[in-house]
Amino acid sequence: MSPLKNKFLTKIFIYLNYLFIQLINGQQQSQPFQSEECKKAATNCENSTDCVHRLAVLQSAWSEYLSYF
């Protein structure tokens, strides 16, 4: 096997391992992360539908922000 082909196969193997690890990590996070402030706000908002909807948007945006780190 040529060194170039060997290097190419090694890179593919590393990339597939990376994808597999990402898949496993994604499955382990069944619940989104919620800070203590979010949990407290959710408890305080339970009786107000409008508040719950606004809070859900904020929590979604926060989770999306955290996913970049």
N, C-alpha and C. Protein backbone atom coordinates (compact mmCIF):
# COMPACT_ATOMS: atom_id res chain seq x y z
N MET A 1 0.85 -1.17 0.00
CA MET A 1 0.00 0.00 0.00
C MET A 1 0.90 1.24 0.00
N SER A 2 0.56 2.21 -0.81
CA SER A 2 1.38 3.41 -0.92
C SER A 2 1.21 4.29 0.33
N PRO A 3 2.23 5.06 0.65
CA PRO A 3 2.15 5.94 1.83
C PRO A 3 1.01 6.96 1.72
N LEU A 4 0.74 7.43 0.51
CA LEU A 4 -0.33 8.40 0.32
C LEU A 4 -1.70 7.78 0.61
N LYS A 5 -1.89 6.56 0.12
CA LYS A 5 -3.15 5.87 0.35
C LYS A 5 -3.30 5.53 1.84
N ASN A 6 -2.21 5.14 2.47
CA ASN A 6 -2.22 4.83 3.89
C ASN A 6 -2.59 6.06 4.72
N LYS A 7 -2.04 7.21 4.36
CA LYS A 7 -2.35 8.46 5.05
C LYS A 7 -3.82 8.82 4.86
N PHE A 8 -4.33 8.64 3.66
CA PHE A 8 -5.73 8.93 3.36
C PHE A 8 -6.66 8.04 4.19
N LEU A 9 -6.37 6.76 4.27
CA LEU A 9 -7.20 5.83 5.05
C LEU A 9 -7.13 6.15 6.54
N THR A 10 -5.98 6.58 7.00
CA THR A 10 -5.84 6.97 8.41
C THR A 10 -6.72 8.18 8.72
N LYS A 11 -6.72 9.16 7.83
CA LYS A 11 -7.56 10.34 8.04
C LYS A 11 -9.04 9.98 8.03
N ILE A 12 -9.44 9.10 7.14
CA ILE A 12 -10.84 8.67 7.11
C ILE A 12 -11.19 7.94 8.40
N PHE A 13 -10.31 7.08 8.86
CA PHE A 13 -10.54 6.35 10.11
C PHE A 13 -10.70 7.31 11.29
N ILE A 14 -9.85 8.31 11.38
CA ILE A 14 -9.93 9.29 12.46
C ILE A 14 -11.24 10.07 12.36
N TYR A 15 -11.62 10.48 11.17
CA TYR A 15 -12.86 11.22 10.97
C TYR A 15 -14.08 10.38 11.36
N LEU A 16 -14.11 9.11 10.98
CA LEU A 16 -15.23 8.24 11.35
C LEU A 16 -15.30 8.03 12.86
N ASN A 17 -14.15 7.90 13.50
CA ASN A 17 -14.14 7.80 14.97
C ASN A 17 -14.69 9.07 15.61
N TYR A 18 -14.32 10.21 15.06
CA TYR A 18 -14.83 11.49 15.56
C TYR A 18 -16.35 11.54 15.44
N LEU A 19 -16.89 11.14 14.29
CA LEU A 19 -18.34 11.13 14.10
C LEU A 19 -19.03 10.18 15.07
N PHE A 20 -18.43 9.03 15.29
CA PHE A 20 -18.99 8.05 16.22
C PHE A 20 -19.03 8.62 17.65
N ILE A 21 -17.97 9.27 18.06
CA ILE A 21 -17.94 9.87 19.40
C ILE A 21 -18.98 10.97 19.53
N GLN A 22 -19.13 11.78 18.48
CA GLN A 22 -20.16 12.83 18.50
C GLN A 22 -21.55 12.23 18.60
N LEU A 23 -21.79 11.14 17.92
CA LEU A 23 -23.09 10.46 17.97
C LEU A 23 -23.36 9.95 19.37
N ILE A 24 -22.37 9.33 19.99
CA ILE A 24 -22.54 8.82 21.35
C ILE A 24 -22.80 9.97 22.32
N ASN A 25 -22.06 11.04 22.21
CA ASN A 25 -22.26 12.19 23.10
C ASN A 25 -23.64 12.80 22.90
N GLY A 26 -24.12 12.85 21.68
CA GLY A 26 -25.45 13.39 21.42
C GLY A 26 -26.54 12.54 22.04
N GLN A 27 -26.36 11.23 22.05
CA GLN A 27 -27.36 10.35 22.63
C GLN A 27 -27.35 10.40 24.14
N GLN A 28 -26.23 10.69 24.75
CA GLN A 28 -26.14 10.75 26.20
C GLN A 28 -26.82 11.99 26.77
N GLN A 29 -26.94 13.03 25.98
CA GLN A 29 -27.54 14.27 26.45
C GLN A 29 -29.03 14.27 26.13
N SER A 30 -29.79 13.43 26.83
CA SER A 30 -31.21 13.34 26.57
C SER A 30 -31.96 14.57 27.07
N GLN A 31 -31.48 15.19 28.12
CA GLN A 31 -32.09 16.40 28.66
C GLN A 31 -31.19 17.59 28.33
N PRO A 32 -31.77 18.68 27.84
CA PRO A 32 -30.94 19.86 27.59
C PRO A 32 -30.45 20.45 28.91
N PHE A 33 -29.31 21.07 28.86
CA PHE A 33 -28.76 21.70 30.06
C PHE A 33 -29.63 22.88 30.46
N GLN A 34 -29.95 22.96 31.74
CA GLN A 34 -30.69 24.10 32.27
C GLN A 34 -29.93 24.64 33.48
N SER A 35 -29.66 25.92 33.45
CA SER A 35 -29.00 26.55 34.58
C SER A 35 -29.99 26.65 35.74
N GLU A 36 -29.48 26.95 36.90
CA GLU A 36 -30.34 27.12 38.07
C GLU A 36 -31.33 28.26 37.86
N GLU A 37 -30.88 29.33 37.18
CA GLU A 37 -31.77 30.46 36.91
C GLU A 37 -32.93 30.03 36.02
N CYS A 38 -32.64 29.21 35.01
CA CYS A 38 -33.70 28.73 34.10
C CYS A 38 -34.69 27.84 34.85
N LYS A 39 -34.19 26.97 35.70
CA LYS A 39 -35.08 26.10 36.47
C LYS A 39 -35.98 26.91 37.39
N LYS A 40 -35.39 27.91 38.04
CA LYS A 40 -36.15 28.76 38.95
C LYS A 40 -37.21 29.55 38.18
N ALA A 41 -36.82 30.10 37.02
CA ALA A 41 -37.77 30.86 36.20
C ALA A 41 -38.90 29.95 35.71
N ALA A 42 -38.59 28.73 35.34
CA ALA A 42 -39.62 27.79 34.88
C ALA A 42 -40.61 27.50 35.99
N THR A 43 -40.13 27.34 37.20
CA THR A 43 -41.01 27.09 38.35
C THR A 43 -41.90 28.30 38.61
N ASN A 44 -41.33 29.50 38.51
CA ASN A 44 -42.10 30.72 38.75
C ASN A 44 -43.11 30.99 37.64
N CYS A 45 -42.90 30.45 36.46
CA CYS A 45 -43.75 30.71 35.29
C CYS A 45 -44.85 29.67 35.10
N GLU A 46 -44.91 28.65 35.91
CA GLU A 46 -45.79 27.52 35.65
C GLU A 46 -47.25 27.89 35.41
N ASN A 47 -47.75 28.93 36.04
CA ASN A 47 -49.17 29.26 35.93
C ASN A 47 -49.49 30.26 34.83
N SER A 48 -48.51 30.71 34.09
CA SER A 48 -48.73 31.70 33.04
C SER A 48 -48.26 31.15 31.69
N THR A 49 -49.23 30.87 30.82
CA THR A 49 -48.89 30.31 29.50
C THR A 49 -47.99 31.25 28.71
N ASP A 50 -48.29 32.54 28.75
CA ASP A 50 -47.48 33.51 28.01
C ASP A 50 -46.04 33.51 28.52
N CYS A 51 -45.89 33.47 29.82
CA CYS A 51 -44.55 33.44 30.43
C CYS A 51 -43.80 32.17 30.03
N VAL A 52 -44.48 31.04 30.03
CA VAL A 52 -43.86 29.77 29.67
C VAL A 52 -43.34 29.81 28.24
N HIS A 53 -44.14 30.38 27.32
CA HIS A 53 -43.72 30.46 25.91
C HIS A 53 -42.51 31.37 25.74
N ARG A 54 -42.51 32.51 26.42
CA ARG A 54 -41.37 33.42 26.32
C ARG A 54 -40.12 32.79 26.92
N LEU A 55 -40.29 32.09 28.02
CA LEU A 55 -39.16 31.43 28.66
C LEU A 55 -38.59 30.31 27.78
N ALA A 56 -39.46 29.59 27.10
CA ALA A 56 -39.01 28.50 26.22
C ALA A 56 -38.12 29.04 25.10
N VAL A 57 -38.49 30.20 24.55
CA VAL A 57 -37.68 30.81 23.49
C VAL A 57 -36.31 31.20 24.05
N LEU A 58 -36.29 31.78 25.23
CA LEU A 58 -35.01 32.17 25.83
C LEU A 58 -34.13 30.96 26.14
N GLN A 59 -34.74 29.90 26.67
CA GLN A 59 -33.97 28.70 26.99
C GLN A 59 -33.42 28.05 25.72
N SER A 60 -34.21 28.07 24.66
CA SER A 60 -33.75 27.50 23.39
C SER A 60 -32.56 28.29 22.85
N ALA A 61 -32.67 29.61 22.90
CA ALA A 61 -31.57 30.46 22.42
C ALA A 61 -30.32 30.24 23.26
N TRP A 62 -30.49 30.10 24.57
CA TRP A 62 -29.35 29.88 25.46
C TRP A 62 -28.69 28.53 25.18
N SER A 63 -29.51 27.49 24.98
CA SER A 63 -28.96 26.17 24.67
C SER A 63 -28.20 26.19 23.36
N GLU A 64 -28.74 26.90 22.38
CA GLU A 64 -28.06 27.02 21.08
C GLU A 64 -26.72 27.73 21.25
N TYR A 65 -26.71 28.78 22.05
CA TYR A 65 -25.48 29.52 22.33
C TYR A 65 -24.44 28.62 22.98
N LEU A 66 -24.86 27.84 23.98
CA LEU A 66 -23.93 26.96 24.69
C LEU A 66 -23.38 25.85 23.80
N SER A 67 -24.14 25.47 22.78
CA SER A 67 -23.70 24.38 21.92
C SER A 67 -22.47 24.75 21.09
N TYR A 68 -22.17 26.03 20.99
CA TYR A 68 -21.00 26.46 20.22
C TYR A 68 -19.70 26.33 21.02
N PHE A 69 -19.80 26.02 22.30
CA PHE A 69 -18.60 25.95 23.15
C PHE A 69 -18.27 24.56 23.52
